[in-house]
Amino acid sequence: MRESEDEGPRGFEGVAPDGWPVPLRGVTESVVTTLGPNDRWNVAALGLHAPETNADGEPDGPVTARTYGRTRTWRNFDERGGGVVQFTADPRTFVDAALTVTEVDDPVLPSADAWVEVDVEAVAAETEGDTTVRTWELSPAESAVVSERVPTVNRGFGAVVDATVAASRLDVPAFDTAELLDRLRYFADVVERCGGPAEREAFARIDEATGWRERADEA
């Protein structure tokens, strides 16, 4: 089926809500820094849900994100009312944000290609098992593009991102540990075959943060 001229580019690039430095589509993975009670910026991974579009393909609604449980991001969103969302192509930054407790002195990370300061408002909450999932609306206040680059596709980078999701679910009762370990074995193989030095270093940080390889050997 042939797509119209408008549908093709928009579907590929996503939508660019007012005030955001980059187009968003589906769930866009980002890193967010939020100011903690110690006046340092906590670094965490944050999935951004792109707004729905109207008949003209324009954004129709806010960008949203979810926090799971009583995390530092939830606490800082609740107490500070905002943070700085950042977009990076560095897999090491993403692993550190997703799987470790990382705090920095400055809100914008050196690896950020673009950033946007956001105000947040909790708009919904639901329970999944013993976990409270909160939905937040994100309103941009200030943004900047730091670096523009021609995008490339590397399977190793995608495998690192997916591996952080699997690794973060280890020991969560709702997920099967054996299945998660199988996924991590697969992602590790993809990174070894297709990733570059940055992806391999990032996956080594997953190993160190979770100890999943030792658990897989024992399984």
N, C-alpha and C. Protein backbone atom coordinates (compact mmCIF):
# COMPACT_ATOMS: atom_id res chain seq x y z
N MET A 1 0.85 -1.20 0.00
CA MET A 1 0.00 0.00 0.00
C MET A 1 0.88 1.24 0.00
N ARG A 2 0.60 2.16 -0.89
CA ARG A 2 1.40 3.37 -0.99
C ARG A 2 1.00 4.36 0.09
N GLU A 3 1.99 4.96 0.73
CA GLU A 3 1.72 5.98 1.74
C GLU A 3 1.72 7.34 1.08
N SER A 4 0.96 8.27 1.68
CA SER A 4 0.97 9.63 1.17
C SER A 4 2.30 10.28 1.50
N GLU A 5 2.58 11.40 0.85
CA GLU A 5 3.84 12.10 1.10
C GLU A 5 3.95 12.53 2.55
N ASP A 6 2.82 12.90 3.15
CA ASP A 6 2.86 13.38 4.53
C ASP A 6 3.07 12.23 5.50
N GLU A 7 2.44 11.08 5.23
CA GLU A 7 2.48 9.99 6.20
C GLU A 7 3.88 9.40 6.33
N GLY A 8 4.62 9.31 5.21
CA GLY A 8 5.93 8.67 5.27
C GLY A 8 6.90 9.37 6.19
N PRO A 9 7.25 10.66 5.92
CA PRO A 9 8.22 11.33 6.78
C PRO A 9 7.77 11.44 8.22
N ARG A 10 6.47 11.71 8.44
CA ARG A 10 6.03 11.85 9.83
C ARG A 10 6.15 10.53 10.56
N GLY A 11 5.77 9.43 9.87
CA GLY A 11 5.85 8.14 10.53
C GLY A 11 7.28 7.77 10.88
N PHE A 12 8.23 8.18 10.02
CA PHE A 12 9.62 7.83 10.28
C PHE A 12 10.23 8.73 11.34
N GLU A 13 10.01 10.02 11.23
CA GLU A 13 10.67 10.97 12.11
C GLU A 13 9.95 11.15 13.44
N GLY A 14 8.66 10.80 13.50
CA GLY A 14 7.90 11.05 14.70
C GLY A 14 7.33 12.46 14.69
N VAL A 15 6.88 12.91 15.84
CA VAL A 15 6.30 14.24 15.97
C VAL A 15 7.20 15.08 16.86
N ALA A 16 7.24 16.36 16.57
CA ALA A 16 8.07 17.28 17.35
C ALA A 16 7.16 18.21 18.14
N PRO A 17 6.82 17.86 19.38
CA PRO A 17 5.97 18.74 20.18
C PRO A 17 6.65 20.08 20.42
N ASP A 18 5.85 21.12 20.56
CA ASP A 18 6.39 22.46 20.81
C ASP A 18 7.31 22.43 22.02
N GLY A 19 8.48 23.03 21.87
CA GLY A 19 9.41 23.15 22.98
C GLY A 19 10.37 22.01 23.13
N TRP A 20 10.17 20.93 22.37
CA TRP A 20 11.07 19.77 22.47
C TRP A 20 12.13 19.85 21.38
N PRO A 21 13.38 19.49 21.69
CA PRO A 21 14.46 19.68 20.72
C PRO A 21 14.55 18.60 19.65
N VAL A 22 13.81 17.50 19.83
CA VAL A 22 13.88 16.39 18.88
C VAL A 22 12.48 15.83 18.65
N PRO A 23 12.24 15.19 17.50
CA PRO A 23 10.97 14.49 17.30
C PRO A 23 10.90 13.25 18.18
N LEU A 24 9.69 12.86 18.55
CA LEU A 24 9.47 11.68 19.38
C LEU A 24 8.51 10.74 18.66
N ARG A 25 8.70 9.44 18.84
CA ARG A 25 7.76 8.48 18.29
C ARG A 25 7.71 7.27 19.21
N GLY A 26 6.50 6.72 19.36
CA GLY A 26 6.36 5.56 20.24
C GLY A 26 6.88 5.88 21.63
N VAL A 27 7.78 5.05 22.11
CA VAL A 27 8.46 5.31 23.38
C VAL A 27 9.93 5.59 23.06
N THR A 28 10.36 6.80 23.32
CA THR A 28 11.74 7.23 23.05
C THR A 28 12.53 7.15 24.35
N GLU A 29 13.63 6.40 24.32
CA GLU A 29 14.44 6.25 25.52
C GLU A 29 15.30 7.50 25.74
N SER A 30 15.29 7.98 26.96
CA SER A 30 16.07 9.17 27.31
C SER A 30 16.73 8.95 28.67
N VAL A 31 17.52 9.94 29.06
CA VAL A 31 18.11 9.98 30.39
C VAL A 31 17.62 11.25 31.05
N VAL A 32 17.25 11.17 32.32
CA VAL A 32 16.75 12.34 33.03
C VAL A 32 17.60 12.58 34.27
N THR A 33 17.91 13.84 34.52
CA THR A 33 18.55 14.22 35.78
C THR A 33 17.54 14.98 36.62
N THR A 34 17.48 14.62 37.90
CA THR A 34 16.56 15.27 38.84
C THR A 34 17.34 15.65 40.09
N LEU A 35 17.00 16.79 40.64
CA LEU A 35 17.74 17.31 41.79
C LEU A 35 17.26 16.66 43.08
N GLY A 36 18.20 16.04 43.80
CA GLY A 36 17.86 15.35 45.02
C GLY A 36 18.00 16.22 46.25
N PRO A 37 17.66 15.68 47.42
CA PRO A 37 17.75 16.45 48.67
C PRO A 37 19.17 16.82 49.06
N ASN A 38 20.16 16.16 48.46
CA ASN A 38 21.56 16.48 48.73
C ASN A 38 22.11 17.51 47.74
N ASP A 39 21.20 18.10 46.93
CA ASP A 39 21.57 19.11 45.93
C ASP A 39 22.50 18.55 44.86
N ARG A 40 22.44 17.25 44.62
CA ARG A 40 23.13 16.64 43.49
C ARG A 40 22.08 16.09 42.54
N TRP A 41 22.47 15.92 41.29
CA TRP A 41 21.53 15.50 40.25
C TRP A 41 21.60 13.99 40.08
N ASN A 42 20.48 13.32 40.33
CA ASN A 42 20.39 11.89 40.11
C ASN A 42 20.15 11.62 38.63
N VAL A 43 20.83 10.60 38.10
CA VAL A 43 20.75 10.25 36.69
C VAL A 43 19.98 8.94 36.55
N ALA A 44 18.94 8.93 35.71
CA ALA A 44 18.13 7.73 35.55
C ALA A 44 17.62 7.65 34.11
N ALA A 45 17.27 6.43 33.70
CA ALA A 45 16.65 6.24 32.39
C ALA A 45 15.17 6.60 32.48
N LEU A 46 14.63 7.14 31.39
CA LEU A 46 13.22 7.54 31.37
C LEU A 46 12.67 7.35 29.96
N GLY A 47 11.61 6.54 29.85
CA GLY A 47 10.94 6.36 28.57
C GLY A 47 9.92 7.45 28.34
N LEU A 48 10.02 8.12 27.20
CA LEU A 48 9.12 9.22 26.86
C LEU A 48 8.05 8.71 25.90
N HIS A 49 6.79 8.86 26.28
CA HIS A 49 5.68 8.43 25.43
C HIS A 49 5.25 9.61 24.57
N ALA A 50 5.40 9.46 23.26
CA ALA A 50 5.04 10.53 22.34
C ALA A 50 3.54 10.80 22.40
N PRO A 51 3.13 12.05 22.19
CA PRO A 51 1.70 12.35 22.20
C PRO A 51 0.99 11.76 21.00
N GLU A 52 -0.31 11.59 21.13
CA GLU A 52 -1.13 11.21 19.98
C GLU A 52 -1.11 12.35 18.96
N THR A 53 -1.48 12.02 17.72
CA THR A 53 -1.53 13.05 16.69
C THR A 53 -2.96 13.24 16.21
N ASN A 54 -3.25 14.44 15.70
CA ASN A 54 -4.58 14.71 15.16
C ASN A 54 -4.64 14.32 13.69
N ALA A 55 -5.74 14.66 13.03
CA ALA A 55 -5.93 14.26 11.64
C ALA A 55 -4.88 14.85 10.71
N ASP A 56 -4.28 15.96 11.12
CA ASP A 56 -3.24 16.59 10.30
C ASP A 56 -1.84 16.08 10.64
N GLY A 57 -1.76 15.12 11.55
CA GLY A 57 -0.46 14.59 11.92
C GLY A 57 0.30 15.44 12.91
N GLU A 58 -0.38 16.41 13.53
CA GLU A 58 0.27 17.28 14.50
C GLU A 58 0.09 16.73 15.92
N PRO A 59 1.01 17.02 16.83
CA PRO A 59 0.87 16.54 18.21
C PRO A 59 -0.42 17.01 18.85
N ASP A 60 -1.10 16.10 19.53
CA ASP A 60 -2.37 16.42 20.16
C ASP A 60 -2.34 15.89 21.59
N GLY A 61 -1.66 16.63 22.46
CA GLY A 61 -1.53 16.20 23.85
C GLY A 61 -0.10 16.32 24.31
N PRO A 62 0.13 16.06 25.58
CA PRO A 62 1.47 16.22 26.15
C PRO A 62 2.34 14.98 25.98
N VAL A 63 3.62 15.17 26.15
CA VAL A 63 4.55 14.05 26.31
C VAL A 63 4.39 13.52 27.73
N THR A 64 4.38 12.21 27.89
CA THR A 64 4.23 11.62 29.22
C THR A 64 5.37 10.64 29.50
N ALA A 65 5.54 10.34 30.77
CA ALA A 65 6.53 9.35 31.21
C ALA A 65 5.99 8.67 32.46
N ARG A 66 6.54 7.51 32.78
CA ARG A 66 6.09 6.75 33.94
C ARG A 66 7.25 6.47 34.88
N THR A 67 6.95 6.49 36.16
CA THR A 67 7.90 6.02 37.17
C THR A 67 7.30 4.81 37.87
N TYR A 68 8.17 3.89 38.25
CA TYR A 68 7.74 2.63 38.84
C TYR A 68 8.25 2.53 40.27
N GLY A 69 7.32 2.63 41.22
CA GLY A 69 7.69 2.50 42.61
C GLY A 69 8.27 3.78 43.19
N ARG A 70 8.90 3.61 44.34
CA ARG A 70 9.43 4.76 45.08
C ARG A 70 10.90 4.98 44.71
N THR A 71 11.11 5.39 43.49
CA THR A 71 12.46 5.61 42.99
C THR A 71 12.93 7.03 43.30
N ARG A 72 14.20 7.27 43.07
CA ARG A 72 14.73 8.63 43.24
C ARG A 72 14.08 9.60 42.26
N THR A 73 13.84 9.13 41.04
CA THR A 73 13.18 10.00 40.06
C THR A 73 11.79 10.36 40.53
N TRP A 74 11.03 9.38 41.03
CA TRP A 74 9.69 9.68 41.56
C TRP A 74 9.78 10.70 42.68
N ARG A 75 10.68 10.46 43.63
CA ARG A 75 10.80 11.38 44.77
C ARG A 75 11.15 12.78 44.30
N ASN A 76 12.12 12.89 43.41
CA ASN A 76 12.56 14.21 42.99
C ASN A 76 11.53 14.91 42.10
N PHE A 77 10.84 14.15 41.26
CA PHE A 77 9.72 14.73 40.51
C PHE A 77 8.69 15.28 41.48
N ASP A 78 8.36 14.48 42.49
CA ASP A 78 7.31 14.87 43.44
C ASP A 78 7.72 16.09 44.26
N GLU A 79 8.98 16.13 44.69
CA GLU A 79 9.42 17.21 45.57
C GLU A 79 9.90 18.44 44.82
N ARG A 80 10.48 18.26 43.64
CA ARG A 80 11.07 19.38 42.90
C ARG A 80 10.20 19.84 41.74
N GLY A 81 9.36 18.95 41.25
CA GLY A 81 8.44 19.35 40.18
C GLY A 81 9.05 19.40 38.79
N GLY A 82 10.20 18.76 38.60
CA GLY A 82 10.78 18.79 37.26
C GLY A 82 12.13 18.12 37.19
N GLY A 83 12.78 18.28 36.05
CA GLY A 83 14.10 17.71 35.81
C GLY A 83 14.59 18.12 34.45
N VAL A 84 15.68 17.51 34.02
CA VAL A 84 16.26 17.80 32.71
C VAL A 84 16.35 16.49 31.92
N VAL A 85 15.55 16.40 30.87
CA VAL A 85 15.54 15.23 30.00
C VAL A 85 16.62 15.40 28.94
N GLN A 86 17.36 14.30 28.69
CA GLN A 86 18.50 14.38 27.77
C GLN A 86 18.50 13.21 26.80
N PHE A 87 19.03 13.49 25.62
CA PHE A 87 19.10 12.49 24.56
C PHE A 87 20.57 12.23 24.25
N THR A 88 20.97 10.97 24.32
CA THR A 88 22.37 10.61 24.15
C THR A 88 22.50 9.36 23.30
N ALA A 89 23.58 9.29 22.54
CA ALA A 89 23.89 8.10 21.76
C ALA A 89 24.98 7.27 22.42
N ASP A 90 25.34 7.61 23.65
CA ASP A 90 26.40 6.89 24.36
C ASP A 90 25.78 5.75 25.17
N PRO A 91 26.02 4.49 24.79
CA PRO A 91 25.39 3.38 25.52
C PRO A 91 25.85 3.27 26.96
N ARG A 92 27.06 3.75 27.25
CA ARG A 92 27.58 3.68 28.62
C ARG A 92 26.79 4.59 29.54
N THR A 93 26.45 5.78 29.06
CA THR A 93 25.62 6.70 29.84
C THR A 93 24.28 6.06 30.15
N PHE A 94 23.72 5.39 29.15
CA PHE A 94 22.40 4.80 29.34
C PHE A 94 22.44 3.66 30.35
N VAL A 95 23.47 2.82 30.29
CA VAL A 95 23.58 1.72 31.25
C VAL A 95 23.73 2.26 32.67
N ASP A 96 24.59 3.23 32.85
CA ASP A 96 24.78 3.80 34.18
C ASP A 96 23.47 4.39 34.70
N ALA A 97 22.72 5.05 33.82
CA ALA A 97 21.46 5.66 34.23
C ALA A 97 20.42 4.60 34.60
N ALA A 98 20.39 3.51 33.85
CA ALA A 98 19.35 2.51 34.03
C ALA A 98 19.61 1.57 35.19
N LEU A 99 20.89 1.27 35.48
CA LEU A 99 21.19 0.17 36.39
C LEU A 99 22.01 0.54 37.61
N THR A 100 22.49 1.76 37.70
CA THR A 100 23.31 2.14 38.86
C THR A 100 22.77 3.42 39.49
N VAL A 101 23.21 3.67 40.70
CA VAL A 101 22.91 4.95 41.35
C VAL A 101 24.03 5.91 40.95
N THR A 102 23.69 6.87 40.11
CA THR A 102 24.67 7.83 39.62
C THR A 102 24.20 9.24 39.96
N GLU A 103 25.07 10.00 40.58
CA GLU A 103 24.76 11.40 40.91
C GLU A 103 25.87 12.29 40.37
N VAL A 104 25.48 13.45 39.85
CA VAL A 104 26.44 14.37 39.25
C VAL A 104 26.18 15.78 39.78
N ASP A 105 27.15 16.65 39.55
CA ASP A 105 27.04 18.03 40.04
C ASP A 105 26.26 18.93 39.10
N ASP A 106 26.27 18.62 37.80
CA ASP A 106 25.62 19.48 36.81
C ASP A 106 24.45 18.75 36.16
N PRO A 107 23.37 19.46 35.85
CA PRO A 107 22.18 18.79 35.32
C PRO A 107 22.33 18.26 33.90
N VAL A 108 23.18 18.89 33.07
CA VAL A 108 23.35 18.45 31.69
C VAL A 108 24.61 17.59 31.60
N LEU A 109 24.46 16.37 31.11
CA LEU A 109 25.57 15.43 31.04
C LEU A 109 26.48 15.75 29.85
N PRO A 110 27.78 15.46 29.96
CA PRO A 110 28.70 15.73 28.85
C PRO A 110 28.33 14.98 27.58
N SER A 111 27.67 13.84 27.70
CA SER A 111 27.34 13.03 26.52
C SER A 111 26.01 13.42 25.87
N ALA A 112 25.31 14.41 26.41
CA ALA A 112 24.01 14.78 25.87
C ALA A 112 24.14 15.47 24.52
N ASP A 113 23.39 14.98 23.52
CA ASP A 113 23.33 15.64 22.22
C ASP A 113 22.26 16.73 22.21
N ALA A 114 21.26 16.59 23.07
CA ALA A 114 20.21 17.59 23.21
C ALA A 114 19.60 17.43 24.59
N TRP A 115 19.01 18.50 25.11
CA TRP A 115 18.39 18.43 26.42
C TRP A 115 17.18 19.36 26.47
N VAL A 116 16.29 19.07 27.40
CA VAL A 116 15.12 19.92 27.62
C VAL A 116 14.78 19.90 29.10
N GLU A 117 14.70 21.08 29.68
CA GLU A 117 14.24 21.20 31.06
C GLU A 117 12.73 21.09 31.07
N VAL A 118 12.19 20.26 31.96
CA VAL A 118 10.75 20.02 31.97
C VAL A 118 10.17 20.27 33.36
N ASP A 119 8.94 20.76 33.35
CA ASP A 119 8.10 20.76 34.54
C ASP A 119 7.22 19.52 34.47
N VAL A 120 6.98 18.88 35.60
CA VAL A 120 6.21 17.64 35.57
C VAL A 120 5.00 17.75 36.49
N GLU A 121 3.96 17.01 36.11
CA GLU A 121 2.74 16.93 36.92
C GLU A 121 2.24 15.49 36.89
N ALA A 122 2.02 14.92 38.06
CA ALA A 122 1.47 13.57 38.14
C ALA A 122 -0.01 13.61 37.74
N VAL A 123 -0.39 12.77 36.77
CA VAL A 123 -1.76 12.81 36.26
C VAL A 123 -2.49 11.49 36.44
N ALA A 124 -1.78 10.41 36.81
CA ALA A 124 -2.45 9.13 36.99
C ALA A 124 -1.56 8.22 37.81
N ALA A 125 -2.19 7.23 38.45
CA ALA A 125 -1.45 6.22 39.21
C ALA A 125 -2.23 4.92 39.15
N GLU A 126 -1.50 3.83 39.02
CA GLU A 126 -2.11 2.50 39.03
C GLU A 126 -1.16 1.54 39.72
N THR A 127 -1.67 0.39 40.07
CA THR A 127 -0.86 -0.59 40.79
C THR A 127 -0.63 -1.81 39.93
N GLU A 128 0.63 -2.21 39.81
CA GLU A 128 1.00 -3.46 39.14
C GLU A 128 1.68 -4.34 40.17
N GLY A 129 0.95 -5.34 40.66
CA GLY A 129 1.47 -6.15 41.76
C GLY A 129 1.62 -5.29 42.99
N ASP A 130 2.83 -5.20 43.51
CA ASP A 130 3.09 -4.37 44.69
C ASP A 130 3.68 -3.01 44.31
N THR A 131 3.69 -2.70 43.02
CA THR A 131 4.36 -1.49 42.55
C THR A 131 3.35 -0.45 42.10
N THR A 132 3.54 0.78 42.56
CA THR A 132 2.72 1.89 42.10
C THR A 132 3.37 2.53 40.88
N VAL A 133 2.63 2.57 39.79
CA VAL A 133 3.11 3.16 38.54
C VAL A 133 2.43 4.52 38.37
N ARG A 134 3.24 5.56 38.31
CA ARG A 134 2.70 6.91 38.16
C ARG A 134 2.99 7.44 36.77
N THR A 135 2.00 8.11 36.20
CA THR A 135 2.16 8.75 34.90
C THR A 135 2.30 10.25 35.10
N TRP A 136 3.27 10.83 34.43
CA TRP A 136 3.58 12.25 34.55
C TRP A 136 3.45 12.93 33.20
N GLU A 137 2.86 14.12 33.20
CA GLU A 137 2.90 14.97 32.02
C GLU A 137 4.14 15.85 32.09
N LEU A 138 4.86 15.94 30.98
CA LEU A 138 6.09 16.71 30.93
C LEU A 138 5.89 17.95 30.06
N SER A 139 6.13 19.11 30.63
CA SER A 139 5.97 20.38 29.91
C SER A 139 7.34 21.02 29.74
N PRO A 140 7.78 21.27 28.50
CA PRO A 140 9.11 21.83 28.29
C PRO A 140 9.20 23.28 28.71
N ALA A 141 10.32 23.65 29.33
CA ALA A 141 10.54 25.03 29.74
C ALA A 141 11.67 25.67 28.94
N GLU A 142 12.76 24.94 28.74
CA GLU A 142 13.92 25.43 28.01
C GLU A 142 14.63 24.24 27.39
N SER A 143 15.18 24.41 26.20
CA SER A 143 15.84 23.28 25.54
C SER A 143 16.98 23.77 24.67
N ALA A 144 17.85 22.83 24.30
CA ALA A 144 18.97 23.15 23.42
C ALA A 144 19.45 21.89 22.71
N VAL A 145 19.91 22.07 21.49
CA VAL A 145 20.60 21.01 20.76
C VAL A 145 22.09 21.28 20.87
N VAL A 146 22.82 20.34 21.44
CA VAL A 146 24.25 20.52 21.68
C VAL A 146 25.06 20.02 20.50
N SER A 147 24.64 18.91 19.92
CA SER A 147 25.41 18.28 18.85
C SER A 147 24.46 17.64 17.85
N GLU A 148 24.69 17.90 16.57
CA GLU A 148 23.92 17.26 15.51
C GLU A 148 24.80 16.24 14.81
N ARG A 149 24.24 15.06 14.56
CA ARG A 149 25.01 14.01 13.91
C ARG A 149 24.11 13.24 12.95
N VAL A 150 24.71 12.63 11.94
CA VAL A 150 23.96 11.78 11.03
C VAL A 150 23.69 10.46 11.74
N PRO A 151 22.42 10.05 11.87
CA PRO A 151 22.12 8.83 12.62
C PRO A 151 22.60 7.59 11.88
N THR A 152 23.10 6.64 12.63
CA THR A 152 23.47 5.33 12.11
C THR A 152 22.78 4.27 12.95
N VAL A 153 22.64 3.08 12.39
CA VAL A 153 21.97 1.99 13.08
C VAL A 153 23.01 0.93 13.45
N ASN A 154 23.12 0.64 14.73
CA ASN A 154 24.04 -0.38 15.21
C ASN A 154 23.28 -1.34 16.10
N ARG A 155 23.27 -2.61 15.73
CA ARG A 155 22.53 -3.60 16.50
C ARG A 155 23.06 -3.72 17.92
N GLY A 156 24.35 -3.50 18.09
CA GLY A 156 24.93 -3.58 19.42
C GLY A 156 24.33 -2.56 20.36
N PHE A 157 24.11 -1.33 19.87
CA PHE A 157 23.52 -0.30 20.72
C PHE A 157 22.10 -0.70 21.13
N GLY A 158 21.31 -1.17 20.16
CA GLY A 158 19.96 -1.60 20.50
C GLY A 158 19.95 -2.74 21.50
N ALA A 159 20.91 -3.65 21.37
CA ALA A 159 20.98 -4.77 22.31
C ALA A 159 21.32 -4.29 23.71
N VAL A 160 22.18 -3.28 23.82
CA VAL A 160 22.50 -2.72 25.14
C VAL A 160 21.24 -2.16 25.79
N VAL A 161 20.47 -1.38 25.04
CA VAL A 161 19.26 -0.78 25.59
C VAL A 161 18.29 -1.86 26.04
N ASP A 162 18.04 -2.86 25.19
CA ASP A 162 17.12 -3.94 25.57
C ASP A 162 17.66 -4.73 26.76
N ALA A 163 18.97 -4.89 26.83
CA ALA A 163 19.55 -5.64 27.95
C ALA A 163 19.33 -4.92 29.28
N THR A 164 19.35 -3.59 29.28
CA THR A 164 19.10 -2.89 30.53
C THR A 164 17.69 -3.14 31.03
N VAL A 165 16.74 -3.29 30.10
CA VAL A 165 15.36 -3.59 30.50
C VAL A 165 15.30 -4.96 31.15
N ALA A 166 15.89 -5.96 30.49
CA ALA A 166 15.89 -7.31 31.05
C ALA A 166 16.62 -7.35 32.39
N ALA A 167 17.76 -6.69 32.47
CA ALA A 167 18.55 -6.71 33.71
C ALA A 167 17.81 -6.05 34.86
N SER A 168 17.07 -5.00 34.57
CA SER A 168 16.35 -4.29 35.63
C SER A 168 15.19 -5.11 36.19
N ARG A 169 14.78 -6.16 35.46
CA ARG A 169 13.65 -6.98 35.90
C ARG A 169 14.08 -8.25 36.63
N LEU A 170 15.38 -8.50 36.73
CA LEU A 170 15.84 -9.65 37.49
C LEU A 170 15.36 -9.54 38.94
N ASP A 171 14.86 -10.63 39.47
CA ASP A 171 14.37 -10.70 40.85
C ASP A 171 13.06 -9.97 41.07
N VAL A 172 12.44 -9.47 40.00
CA VAL A 172 11.08 -8.93 40.12
C VAL A 172 10.12 -10.10 39.99
N PRO A 173 9.26 -10.35 40.99
CA PRO A 173 8.43 -11.56 40.99
C PRO A 173 7.59 -11.75 39.74
N ALA A 174 7.17 -10.67 39.10
CA ALA A 174 6.29 -10.79 37.95
C ALA A 174 7.00 -11.31 36.70
N PHE A 175 8.32 -11.43 36.73
CA PHE A 175 9.07 -11.84 35.55
C PHE A 175 9.84 -13.13 35.82
N ASP A 176 9.96 -13.95 34.78
CA ASP A 176 10.65 -15.23 34.88
C ASP A 176 12.15 -15.03 34.76
N THR A 177 12.89 -15.37 35.81
CA THR A 177 14.33 -15.12 35.83
C THR A 177 15.06 -15.89 34.74
N ALA A 178 14.69 -17.15 34.52
CA ALA A 178 15.37 -17.95 33.50
C ALA A 178 15.20 -17.34 32.12
N GLU A 179 14.02 -16.85 31.84
CA GLU A 179 13.77 -16.20 30.54
C GLU A 179 14.60 -14.93 30.40
N LEU A 180 14.69 -14.16 31.47
CA LEU A 180 15.49 -12.94 31.43
C LEU A 180 16.96 -13.25 31.21
N LEU A 181 17.47 -14.29 31.85
CA LEU A 181 18.87 -14.67 31.65
C LEU A 181 19.12 -15.12 30.22
N ASP A 182 18.15 -15.81 29.62
CA ASP A 182 18.28 -16.20 28.21
C ASP A 182 18.35 -14.96 27.32
N ARG A 183 17.53 -13.97 27.62
CA ARG A 183 17.57 -12.74 26.84
C ARG A 183 18.93 -12.07 26.97
N LEU A 184 19.45 -12.03 28.18
CA LEU A 184 20.74 -11.38 28.39
C LEU A 184 21.86 -12.11 27.65
N ARG A 185 21.80 -13.44 27.61
CA ARG A 185 22.79 -14.19 26.83
C ARG A 185 22.73 -13.78 25.36
N TYR A 186 21.51 -13.68 24.84
CA TYR A 186 21.34 -13.30 23.44
C TYR A 186 21.87 -11.89 23.18
N PHE A 187 21.49 -10.94 24.04
CA PHE A 187 21.95 -9.56 23.85
C PHE A 187 23.47 -9.47 23.97
N ALA A 188 24.05 -10.23 24.87
CA ALA A 188 25.51 -10.23 25.02
C ALA A 188 26.17 -10.72 23.73
N ASP A 189 25.58 -11.73 23.10
CA ASP A 189 26.13 -12.24 21.85
C ASP A 189 26.03 -11.20 20.74
N VAL A 190 24.90 -10.50 20.67
CA VAL A 190 24.73 -9.46 19.65
C VAL A 190 25.77 -8.36 19.84
N VAL A 191 25.98 -7.94 21.07
CA VAL A 191 26.97 -6.89 21.34
C VAL A 191 28.36 -7.35 20.95
N GLU A 192 28.69 -8.59 21.25
CA GLU A 192 30.02 -9.11 20.92
C GLU A 192 30.23 -9.15 19.41
N ARG A 193 29.17 -9.51 18.66
CA ARG A 193 29.31 -9.64 17.21
C ARG A 193 29.16 -8.31 16.48
N CYS A 194 28.29 -7.44 16.97
CA CYS A 194 27.91 -6.25 16.21
C CYS A 194 28.31 -4.93 16.85
N GLY A 195 28.59 -4.93 18.13
CA GLY A 195 28.88 -3.68 18.82
C GLY A 195 30.32 -3.23 18.64
N GLY A 196 30.54 -1.96 18.91
CA GLY A 196 31.88 -1.40 18.92
C GLY A 196 32.41 -1.33 20.34
N PRO A 197 33.54 -0.65 20.52
CA PRO A 197 34.13 -0.55 21.86
C PRO A 197 33.19 0.05 22.90
N ALA A 198 32.41 1.07 22.53
CA ALA A 198 31.50 1.69 23.50
C ALA A 198 30.42 0.73 23.93
N GLU A 199 29.87 -0.04 22.98
CA GLU A 199 28.82 -1.00 23.32
C GLU A 199 29.36 -2.13 24.19
N ARG A 200 30.57 -2.58 23.88
CA ARG A 200 31.16 -3.65 24.69
C ARG A 200 31.47 -3.17 26.11
N GLU A 201 31.95 -1.95 26.21
CA GLU A 201 32.20 -1.39 27.55
C GLU A 201 30.89 -1.23 28.31
N ALA A 202 29.85 -0.79 27.60
CA ALA A 202 28.55 -0.63 28.25
C ALA A 202 28.04 -1.96 28.76
N PHE A 203 28.19 -3.03 27.95
CA PHE A 203 27.69 -4.32 28.40
C PHE A 203 28.50 -4.85 29.56
N ALA A 204 29.79 -4.55 29.59
CA ALA A 204 30.59 -4.94 30.75
C ALA A 204 30.07 -4.28 32.02
N ARG A 205 29.55 -3.08 31.88
CA ARG A 205 28.97 -2.40 33.05
C ARG A 205 27.67 -3.08 33.49
N ILE A 206 26.92 -3.62 32.53
CA ILE A 206 25.74 -4.42 32.90
C ILE A 206 26.17 -5.64 33.69
N ASP A 207 27.23 -6.32 33.20
CA ASP A 207 27.75 -7.48 33.92
C ASP A 207 28.10 -7.12 35.36
N GLU A 208 28.82 -6.02 35.51
CA GLU A 208 29.29 -5.62 36.84
C GLU A 208 28.14 -5.22 37.75
N ALA A 209 27.15 -4.53 37.19
CA ALA A 209 26.05 -4.02 38.01
C ALA A 209 25.11 -5.12 38.47
N THR A 210 24.98 -6.19 37.68
CA THR A 210 23.95 -7.20 37.98
C THR A 210 24.51 -8.57 38.33
N GLY A 211 25.73 -8.89 37.89
CA GLY A 211 26.25 -10.23 38.12
C GLY A 211 25.46 -11.31 37.41
N TRP A 212 24.82 -10.96 36.30
CA TRP A 212 23.92 -11.92 35.64
C TRP A 212 24.67 -13.12 35.05
N ARG A 213 25.92 -12.94 34.63
CA ARG A 213 26.64 -14.07 34.03
C ARG A 213 26.87 -15.19 35.04
N GLU A 214 27.22 -14.83 36.27
CA GLU A 214 27.41 -15.85 37.30
C GLU A 214 26.10 -16.59 37.57
N ARG A 215 25.00 -15.84 37.57
CA ARG A 215 23.71 -16.48 37.80
C ARG A 215 23.34 -17.39 36.64
N ALA A 216 23.68 -16.96 35.42
CA ALA A 216 23.38 -17.79 34.26
C ALA A 216 24.19 -19.08 34.28
N ASP A 217 25.44 -19.01 34.74
CA ASP A 217 26.27 -20.21 34.82
C ASP A 217 25.73 -21.21 35.84
N GLU A 218 25.09 -20.68 36.88
CA GLU A 218 24.55 -21.54 37.93
C GLU A 218 23.20 -22.13 37.55
N ALA A 219 22.53 -21.50 36.59
CA ALA A 219 21.17 -21.94 36.23
C ALA A 219 21.21 -23.28 35.48
